[in-house]
Full PDB file with SEQRES, HELIX, SHEET, SSBOND, CRYST1, ORIGX, SCALE, CONECT and MASTER records, all heavy atoms in Angstrom:
SEQRES   1 A   34  LEU LEU VAL ALA SER MET PRO ALA VAL LEU ALA ARG SER          
SEQRES   2 A   34  PRO GLN ALA VAL TYR VAL LEU VAL GLY GLY LEU PRO ASN          
SEQRES   3 A   34  GLN VAL ALA GLN VAL ARG SER TRP                              
HELIX    1 AA1 LEU A    2  ARG A   12  1                                  11    
HELIX    2 AA2 PRO A   25  SER A   33  1                                   9    
CRYST1    1.000    1.000    1.000  90.00  90.00  90.00 P 1           1          
ORIGX1      1.000000  0.000000  0.000000        0.00000                         
ORIGX2      0.000000  1.000000  0.000000        0.00000                         
ORIGX3      0.000000  0.000000  1.000000        0.00000                         
SCALE1      1.000000  0.000000  0.000000        0.00000                         
SCALE2      0.000000  1.000000  0.000000        0.00000                         
SCALE3      0.000000  0.000000  1.000000        0.00000                         
ATOM      1  N   LEU A   1      12.655  18.619  13.825  1.00  0.00           N  
ATOM      2  CA  LEU A   1      13.655  17.952  14.576  1.00  0.00           C  
ATOM      3  C   LEU A   1      13.456  16.394  14.259  1.00  0.00           C  
ATOM      4  O   LEU A   1      14.429  15.741  14.205  1.00  0.00           O  
ATOM      5  CB  LEU A   1      13.492  18.229  16.016  1.00  0.00           C  
ATOM      6  CG  LEU A   1      13.621  19.611  16.558  1.00  0.00           C  
ATOM      7  CD1 LEU A   1      13.380  19.695  18.024  1.00  0.00           C  
ATOM      8  CD2 LEU A   1      14.915  20.224  16.074  1.00  0.00           C  
ATOM      9  N   LEU A   2      12.210  15.900  14.213  1.00  0.00           N  
ATOM     10  CA  LEU A   2      12.004  14.505  13.941  1.00  0.00           C  
ATOM     11  C   LEU A   2      12.510  14.143  12.591  1.00  0.00           C  
ATOM     12  O   LEU A   2      13.193  13.070  12.421  1.00  0.00           O  
ATOM     13  CB  LEU A   2      10.505  14.274  13.962  1.00  0.00           C  
ATOM     14  CG  LEU A   2      10.057  12.766  13.801  1.00  0.00           C  
ATOM     15  CD1 LEU A   2      10.760  11.924  14.898  1.00  0.00           C  
ATOM     16  CD2 LEU A   2       8.564  12.653  13.849  1.00  0.00           C  
ATOM     17  N   VAL A   3      12.249  14.981  11.496  1.00  0.00           N  
ATOM     18  CA  VAL A   3      12.815  14.662  10.223  1.00  0.00           C  
ATOM     19  C   VAL A   3      14.351  14.711  10.174  1.00  0.00           C  
ATOM     20  O   VAL A   3      14.981  13.881   9.692  1.00  0.00           O  
ATOM     21  CB  VAL A   3      12.237  15.629   9.132  1.00  0.00           C  
ATOM     22  CG1 VAL A   3      12.959  15.374   7.854  1.00  0.00           C  
ATOM     23  CG2 VAL A   3      10.759  15.395   9.027  1.00  0.00           C  
ATOM     24  N   ALA A   4      14.844  15.722  11.025  1.00  0.00           N  
ATOM     25  CA  ALA A   4      16.413  15.726  11.089  1.00  0.00           C  
ATOM     26  C   ALA A   4      16.920  14.448  11.751  1.00  0.00           C  
ATOM     27  O   ALA A   4      18.080  14.154  11.470  1.00  0.00           O  
ATOM     28  CB  ALA A   4      16.645  16.948  11.818  1.00  0.00           C  
ATOM     29  N   SER A   5      16.140  13.855  12.604  1.00  0.00           N  
ATOM     30  CA  SER A   5      16.623  12.637  13.261  1.00  0.00           C  
ATOM     31  C   SER A   5      16.678  11.408  12.385  1.00  0.00           C  
ATOM     32  O   SER A   5      17.346  10.390  12.580  1.00  0.00           O  
ATOM     33  CB  SER A   5      15.845  12.363  14.496  1.00  0.00           C  
ATOM     34  OG  SER A   5      14.504  11.798  14.109  1.00  0.00           O  
ATOM     35  N   MET A   6      15.952  11.453  11.221  1.00  0.00           N  
ATOM     36  CA  MET A   6      15.765  10.221  10.463  1.00  0.00           C  
ATOM     37  C   MET A   6      16.947   9.661   9.790  1.00  0.00           C  
ATOM     38  O   MET A   6      17.117   8.391   9.785  1.00  0.00           O  
ATOM     39  CB  MET A   6      14.694  10.547   9.393  1.00  0.00           C  
ATOM     40  CG  MET A   6      13.186  10.650   9.916  1.00  0.00           C  
ATOM     41  SD  MET A   6      11.973  11.105   8.670  1.00  0.00           S  
ATOM     42  CE  MET A   6      12.065   9.760   7.647  1.00  0.00           C  
ATOM     43  N   PRO A   7      17.850  10.508   9.159  1.00  0.00           N  
ATOM     44  CA  PRO A   7      19.021   9.899   8.539  1.00  0.00           C  
ATOM     45  C   PRO A   7      19.932   9.179   9.475  1.00  0.00           C  
ATOM     46  O   PRO A   7      20.305   7.956   9.032  1.00  0.00           O  
ATOM     47  CB  PRO A   7      19.771  11.071   8.093  1.00  0.00           C  
ATOM     48  CG  PRO A   7      18.820  12.154   7.839  1.00  0.00           C  
ATOM     49  CD  PRO A   7      17.772  11.941   8.938  1.00  0.00           C  
ATOM     50  N   ALA A   8      20.013   9.459  10.638  1.00  0.00           N  
ATOM     51  CA  ALA A   8      20.888   8.615  11.601  1.00  0.00           C  
ATOM     52  C   ALA A   8      20.170   7.272  11.964  1.00  0.00           C  
ATOM     53  O   ALA A   8      20.831   6.310  12.027  1.00  0.00           O  
ATOM     54  CB  ALA A   8      21.270   9.390  12.900  1.00  0.00           C  
ATOM     55  N   VAL A   9      18.895   7.395  12.068  1.00  0.00           N  
ATOM     56  CA  VAL A   9      18.207   6.138  12.438  1.00  0.00           C  
ATOM     57  C   VAL A   9      18.202   5.105  11.242  1.00  0.00           C  
ATOM     58  O   VAL A   9      18.338   3.971  11.308  1.00  0.00           O  
ATOM     59  CB  VAL A   9      16.640   6.539  12.845  1.00  0.00           C  
ATOM     60  CG1 VAL A   9      15.842   5.202  13.083  1.00  0.00           C  
ATOM     61  CG2 VAL A   9      16.689   7.307  14.169  1.00  0.00           C  
ATOM     62  N   LEU A  10      17.940   5.786  10.086  1.00  0.00           N  
ATOM     63  CA  LEU A  10      17.965   4.958   8.888  1.00  0.00           C  
ATOM     64  C   LEU A  10      19.155   4.299   8.562  1.00  0.00           C  
ATOM     65  O   LEU A  10      19.380   3.267   7.892  1.00  0.00           O  
ATOM     66  CB  LEU A  10      17.391   5.683   7.643  1.00  0.00           C  
ATOM     67  CG  LEU A  10      15.869   6.147   7.794  1.00  0.00           C  
ATOM     68  CD1 LEU A  10      15.522   7.334   6.793  1.00  0.00           C  
ATOM     69  CD2 LEU A  10      15.012   4.898   7.565  1.00  0.00           C  
ATOM     70  N   ALA A  11      20.255   4.996   8.941  1.00  0.00           N  
ATOM     71  CA  ALA A  11      21.581   4.456   8.609  1.00  0.00           C  
ATOM     72  C   ALA A  11      21.907   3.088   9.487  1.00  0.00           C  
ATOM     73  O   ALA A  11      22.513   2.216   9.032  1.00  0.00           O  
ATOM     74  CB  ALA A  11      22.752   5.498   9.008  1.00  0.00           C  
ATOM     75  N   ARG A  12      21.206   3.010  10.663  1.00  0.00           N  
ATOM     76  CA  ARG A  12      21.256   1.863  11.462  1.00  0.00           C  
ATOM     77  C   ARG A  12      20.206   0.898  11.259  1.00  0.00           C  
ATOM     78  O   ARG A  12      20.254  -0.300  11.471  1.00  0.00           O  
ATOM     79  CB  ARG A  12      21.294   2.298  12.950  1.00  0.00           C  
ATOM     80  CG  ARG A  12      22.573   3.126  13.396  1.00  0.00           C  
ATOM     81  CD  ARG A  12      23.616   2.095  13.956  1.00  0.00           C  
ATOM     82  NE  ARG A  12      23.184   1.385  15.038  1.00  0.00           N  
ATOM     83  CZ  ARG A  12      23.200   1.791  16.397  1.00  0.00           C  
ATOM     84  NH1 ARG A  12      23.626   2.975  16.592  1.00  0.00           N  
ATOM     85  NH2 ARG A  12      22.713   0.982  17.277  1.00  0.00           N  
ATOM     86  N   SER A  13      19.013   1.400  10.773  1.00  0.00           N  
ATOM     87  CA  SER A  13      17.858   0.677  10.581  1.00  0.00           C  
ATOM     88  C   SER A  13      17.208   1.038   9.257  1.00  0.00           C  
ATOM     89  O   SER A  13      16.228   1.749   9.306  1.00  0.00           O  
ATOM     90  CB  SER A  13      16.854   0.791  11.838  1.00  0.00           C  
ATOM     91  OG  SER A  13      15.820  -0.030  11.684  1.00  0.00           O  
ATOM     92  N   PRO A  14      17.806   0.620   8.141  1.00  0.00           N  
ATOM     93  CA  PRO A  14      17.321   1.092   6.816  1.00  0.00           C  
ATOM     94  C   PRO A  14      15.893   0.667   6.490  1.00  0.00           C  
ATOM     95  O   PRO A  14      15.427   1.348   5.614  1.00  0.00           O  
ATOM     96  CB  PRO A  14      18.372   0.448   5.892  1.00  0.00           C  
ATOM     97  CG  PRO A  14      18.995  -0.758   6.662  1.00  0.00           C  
ATOM     98  CD  PRO A  14      18.979  -0.348   8.100  1.00  0.00           C  
ATOM     99  N   GLN A  15      15.378  -0.176   7.112  1.00  0.00           N  
ATOM    100  CA  GLN A  15      14.005  -0.507   6.820  1.00  0.00           C  
ATOM    101  C   GLN A  15      12.909   0.176   7.635  1.00  0.00           C  
ATOM    102  O   GLN A  15      11.638   0.016   7.513  1.00  0.00           O  
ATOM    103  CB  GLN A  15      13.656  -2.094   6.920  1.00  0.00           C  
ATOM    104  CG  GLN A  15      14.556  -2.971   5.969  1.00  0.00           C  
ATOM    105  CD  GLN A  15      14.197  -2.650   4.556  1.00  0.00           C  
ATOM    106  OE1 GLN A  15      12.930  -2.560   4.123  1.00  0.00           O  
ATOM    107  NE2 GLN A  15      15.290  -2.437   3.695  1.00  0.00           N  
ATOM    108  N   ALA A  16      13.346   1.084   8.406  1.00  0.00           N  
ATOM    109  CA  ALA A  16      12.486   1.794   9.279  1.00  0.00           C  
ATOM    110  C   ALA A  16      11.602   2.744   8.541  1.00  0.00           C  
ATOM    111  O   ALA A  16      11.913   3.181   7.438  1.00  0.00           O  
ATOM    112  CB  ALA A  16      13.202   2.646  10.268  1.00  0.00           C  
ATOM    113  N   VAL A  17      10.311   2.933   9.020  1.00  0.00           N  
ATOM    114  CA  VAL A  17       9.235   3.673   8.410  1.00  0.00           C  
ATOM    115  C   VAL A  17       8.670   4.681   9.340  1.00  0.00           C  
ATOM    116  O   VAL A  17       8.386   4.207  10.590  1.00  0.00           O  
ATOM    117  CB  VAL A  17       8.167   2.919   7.690  1.00  0.00           C  
ATOM    118  CG1 VAL A  17       7.065   3.755   7.114  1.00  0.00           C  
ATOM    119  CG2 VAL A  17       8.715   1.913   6.683  1.00  0.00           C  
ATOM    120  N   TYR A  18       8.741   5.981   9.030  1.00  0.00           N  
ATOM    121  CA  TYR A  18       8.095   7.108   9.855  1.00  0.00           C  
ATOM    122  C   TYR A  18       6.703   7.372   9.349  1.00  0.00           C  
ATOM    123  O   TYR A  18       6.541   7.747   8.250  1.00  0.00           O  
ATOM    124  CB  TYR A  18       8.995   8.192   9.888  1.00  0.00           C  
ATOM    125  CG  TYR A  18      10.238   8.145  10.735  1.00  0.00           C  
ATOM    126  CD1 TYR A  18      11.284   7.350  10.433  1.00  0.00           C  
ATOM    127  CD2 TYR A  18      10.420   8.870  11.878  1.00  0.00           C  
ATOM    128  CE1 TYR A  18      12.405   7.252  11.089  1.00  0.00           C  
ATOM    129  CE2 TYR A  18      11.456   8.785  12.715  1.00  0.00           C  
ATOM    130  CZ  TYR A  18      12.508   7.905  12.317  1.00  0.00           C  
ATOM    131  OH  TYR A  18      13.604   7.881  13.073  1.00  0.00           O  
ATOM    132  N   VAL A  19       5.698   7.143  10.261  1.00  0.00           N  
ATOM    133  CA  VAL A  19       4.292   7.508   9.876  1.00  0.00           C  
ATOM    134  C   VAL A  19       3.933   8.691  10.700  1.00  0.00           C  
ATOM    135  O   VAL A  19       3.844   8.717  11.992  1.00  0.00           O  
ATOM    136  CB  VAL A  19       3.389   6.420  10.180  1.00  0.00           C  
ATOM    137  CG1 VAL A  19       1.961   6.662   9.913  1.00  0.00           C  
ATOM    138  CG2 VAL A  19       3.785   5.088   9.305  1.00  0.00           C  
ATOM    139  N   LEU A  20       3.706   9.903  10.058  1.00  0.00           N  
ATOM    140  CA  LEU A  20       3.322  11.165  10.652  1.00  0.00           C  
ATOM    141  C   LEU A  20       1.837  11.474  10.244  1.00  0.00           C  
ATOM    142  O   LEU A  20       1.612  11.777   9.252  1.00  0.00           O  
ATOM    143  CB  LEU A  20       4.289  12.327  10.307  1.00  0.00           C  
ATOM    144  CG  LEU A  20       5.659  12.270  10.976  1.00  0.00           C  
ATOM    145  CD1 LEU A  20       6.435  11.121  10.749  1.00  0.00           C  
ATOM    146  CD2 LEU A  20       6.422  13.554  10.511  1.00  0.00           C  
ATOM    147  N   VAL A  21       0.978  11.286  11.340  1.00  0.00           N  
ATOM    148  CA  VAL A  21      -0.401  11.471  11.055  1.00  0.00           C  
ATOM    149  C   VAL A  21      -0.985  12.803  11.454  1.00  0.00           C  
ATOM    150  O   VAL A  21      -0.781  13.109  12.676  1.00  0.00           O  
ATOM    151  CB  VAL A  21      -1.299  10.295  11.707  1.00  0.00           C  
ATOM    152  CG1 VAL A  21      -2.719  10.468  11.363  1.00  0.00           C  
ATOM    153  CG2 VAL A  21      -0.754   8.905  11.398  1.00  0.00           C  
ATOM    154  N   GLY A  22      -1.536  13.634  10.571  1.00  0.00           N  
ATOM    155  CA  GLY A  22      -2.043  14.883  10.974  1.00  0.00           C  
ATOM    156  C   GLY A  22      -1.632  15.926   9.884  1.00  0.00           C  
ATOM    157  O   GLY A  22      -0.998  15.563   8.802  1.00  0.00           O  
ATOM    158  N   GLY A  23      -1.903  17.139  10.309  1.00  0.00           N  
ATOM    159  CA  GLY A  23      -1.383  18.257   9.408  1.00  0.00           C  
ATOM    160  C   GLY A  23      -2.371  18.719   8.295  1.00  0.00           C  
ATOM    161  O   GLY A  23      -3.049  17.875   7.662  1.00  0.00           O  
ATOM    162  N   LEU A  24      -2.451  20.008   8.012  1.00  0.00           N  
ATOM    163  CA  LEU A  24      -3.049  20.586   6.898  1.00  0.00           C  
ATOM    164  C   LEU A  24      -2.261  20.440   5.712  1.00  0.00           C  
ATOM    165  O   LEU A  24      -1.078  20.039   5.817  1.00  0.00           O  
ATOM    166  CB  LEU A  24      -3.312  22.061   7.205  1.00  0.00           C  
ATOM    167  CG  LEU A  24      -4.185  22.441   8.433  1.00  0.00           C  
ATOM    168  CD1 LEU A  24      -4.174  23.881   8.666  1.00  0.00           C  
ATOM    169  CD2 LEU A  24      -5.651  21.944   8.264  1.00  0.00           C  
ATOM    170  N   PRO A  25      -2.964  20.392   4.560  1.00  0.00           N  
ATOM    171  CA  PRO A  25      -2.141  20.195   3.310  1.00  0.00           C  
ATOM    172  C   PRO A  25      -0.884  20.938   3.092  1.00  0.00           C  
ATOM    173  O   PRO A  25       0.205  20.419   2.819  1.00  0.00           O  
ATOM    174  CB  PRO A  25      -3.183  20.514   2.221  1.00  0.00           C  
ATOM    175  CG  PRO A  25      -4.443  20.225   2.823  1.00  0.00           C  
ATOM    176  CD  PRO A  25      -4.348  20.691   4.391  1.00  0.00           C  
ATOM    177  N   ASN A  26      -0.843  22.230   3.411  1.00  0.00           N  
ATOM    178  CA  ASN A  26       0.311  22.946   3.302  1.00  0.00           C  
ATOM    179  C   ASN A  26       1.446  22.581   4.200  1.00  0.00           C  
ATOM    180  O   ASN A  26       2.673  22.619   3.991  1.00  0.00           O  
ATOM    181  CB  ASN A  26       0.070  24.493   3.481  1.00  0.00           C  
ATOM    182  CG  ASN A  26      -0.411  24.896   4.901  1.00  0.00           C  
ATOM    183  OD1 ASN A  26      -1.347  24.249   5.353  1.00  0.00           O  
ATOM    184  ND2 ASN A  26       0.167  25.855   5.491  1.00  0.00           N  
ATOM    185  N   GLN A  27       1.042  22.135   5.449  1.00  0.00           N  
ATOM    186  CA  GLN A  27       1.892  21.622   6.550  1.00  0.00           C  
ATOM    187  C   GLN A  27       2.540  20.307   6.124  1.00  0.00           C  
ATOM    188  O   GLN A  27       3.665  20.086   6.368  1.00  0.00           O  
ATOM    189  CB  GLN A  27       1.200  21.510   7.887  1.00  0.00           C  
ATOM    190  CG  GLN A  27       0.796  22.920   8.465  1.00  0.00           C  
ATOM    191  CD  GLN A  27      -0.173  22.787   9.670  1.00  0.00           C  
ATOM    192  OE1 GLN A  27      -0.908  21.820   9.833  1.00  0.00           O  
ATOM    193  NE2 GLN A  27      -0.068  23.723  10.504  1.00  0.00           N  
ATOM    194  N   VAL A  28       1.729  19.379   5.620  1.00  0.00           N  
ATOM    195  CA  VAL A  28       2.180  18.121   5.133  1.00  0.00           C  
ATOM    196  C   VAL A  28       3.229  18.342   3.936  1.00  0.00           C  
ATOM    197  O   VAL A  28       4.220  17.742   3.924  1.00  0.00           O  
ATOM    198  CB  VAL A  28       0.959  17.297   4.551  1.00  0.00           C  
ATOM    199  CG1 VAL A  28       1.563  16.046   3.943  1.00  0.00           C  
ATOM    200  CG2 VAL A  28       0.079  16.887   5.785  1.00  0.00           C  
ATOM    201  N   ALA A  29       2.993  19.361   3.083  1.00  0.00           N  
ATOM    202  CA  ALA A  29       3.832  19.654   2.040  1.00  0.00           C  
ATOM    203  C   ALA A  29       5.178  20.151   2.639  1.00  0.00           C  
ATOM    204  O   ALA A  29       6.287  19.723   2.084  1.00  0.00           O  
ATOM    205  CB  ALA A  29       3.237  20.683   1.127  1.00  0.00           C  
ATOM    206  N   GLN A  30       5.208  20.868   3.638  1.00  0.00           N  
ATOM    207  CA  GLN A  30       6.396  21.385   4.377  1.00  0.00           C  
ATOM    208  C   GLN A  30       7.168  20.245   4.822  1.00  0.00           C  
ATOM    209  O   GLN A  30       8.429  20.164   4.703  1.00  0.00           O  
ATOM    210  CB  GLN A  30       6.103  22.379   5.364  1.00  0.00           C  
ATOM    211  CG  GLN A  30       7.239  22.865   6.164  1.00  0.00           C  
ATOM    212  CD  GLN A  30       8.210  23.790   5.326  1.00  0.00           C  
ATOM    213  OE1 GLN A  30       7.843  24.918   5.130  1.00  0.00           O  
ATOM    214  NE2 GLN A  30       9.264  23.201   4.893  1.00  0.00           N  
ATOM    215  N   VAL A  31       6.587  19.397   5.546  1.00  0.00           N  
ATOM    216  CA  VAL A  31       7.266  18.172   6.105  1.00  0.00           C  
ATOM    217  C   VAL A  31       7.828  17.383   4.930  1.00  0.00           C  
ATOM    218  O   VAL A  31       8.955  16.856   5.054  1.00  0.00           O  
ATOM    219  CB  VAL A  31       6.359  17.432   7.048  1.00  0.00           C  
ATOM    220  CG1 VAL A  31       7.066  16.005   7.469  1.00  0.00           C  
ATOM    221  CG2 VAL A  31       5.928  18.213   8.253  1.00  0.00           C  
ATOM    222  N   ARG A  32       7.087  17.212   3.941  1.00  0.00           N  
ATOM    223  CA  ARG A  32       7.589  16.345   2.774  1.00  0.00           C  
ATOM    224  C   ARG A  32       8.794  17.066   2.235  1.00  0.00           C  
ATOM    225  O   ARG A  32       9.792  16.370   1.844  1.00  0.00           O  
ATOM    226  CB  ARG A  32       6.481  16.211   1.793  1.00  0.00           C  
ATOM    227  CG  ARG A  32       6.908  15.356   0.585  1.00  0.00           C  
ATOM    228  CD  ARG A  32       5.812  14.979  -0.410  1.00  0.00           C  
ATOM    229  NE  ARG A  32       4.892  14.089   0.252  1.00  0.00           N  
ATOM    230  CZ  ARG A  32       3.741  14.282   0.590  1.00  0.00           C  
ATOM    231  NH1 ARG A  32       3.192  15.453   0.485  1.00  0.00           N  
ATOM    232  NH2 ARG A  32       2.896  13.433   1.138  1.00  0.00           N  
ATOM    233  N   SER A  33       8.948  18.364   2.126  1.00  0.00           N  
ATOM    234  CA  SER A  33       9.948  19.032   1.512  1.00  0.00           C  
ATOM    235  C   SER A  33      11.206  18.919   2.489  1.00  0.00           C  
ATOM    236  O   SER A  33      12.311  18.626   1.916  1.00  0.00           O  
ATOM    237  CB  SER A  33       9.658  20.538   1.307  1.00  0.00           C  
ATOM    238  OG  SER A  33       9.621  21.211   2.652  1.00  0.00           O  
ATOM    239  N   TRP A  34      11.048  18.932   3.765  1.00  0.00           N  
ATOM    240  CA  TRP A  34      12.147  18.574   4.577  1.00  0.00           C  
ATOM    241  C   TRP A  34      12.589  17.170   4.460  1.00  0.00           C  
ATOM    242  O   TRP A  34      13.862  16.976   4.424  1.00  0.00           O  
ATOM    243  CB  TRP A  34      11.750  18.771   6.145  1.00  0.00           C  
ATOM    244  CG  TRP A  34      11.363  20.060   6.544  1.00  0.00           C  
ATOM    245  CD1 TRP A  34      11.803  21.342   6.079  1.00  0.00           C  
ATOM    246  CD2 TRP A  34      10.489  20.405   7.587  1.00  0.00           C  
ATOM    247  NE1 TRP A  34      11.287  22.380   6.674  1.00  0.00           N  
ATOM    248  CE2 TRP A  34      10.446  21.879   7.742  1.00  0.00           C  
ATOM    249  CE3 TRP A  34       9.699  19.746   8.571  1.00  0.00           C  
ATOM    250  CZ2 TRP A  34       9.656  22.631   8.632  1.00  0.00           C  
ATOM    251  CZ3 TRP A  34       9.041  20.429   9.465  1.00  0.00           C  
ATOM    252  CH2 TRP A  34       8.953  21.827   9.492  1.00  0.00           C  
TER     253      TRP A  34                                                      
MASTER        0    0    0    2    0    0    0    6  252    1    0    3          
END                                                                             
């Protein structure tokens, strides 16, 4: 859901950066793919 929210936020604030700390390697890869 958080990744799904990003396009709308970036459309209004294009310099925004999302920092997601945590996750096992396979989980991080999944979020990156989203």
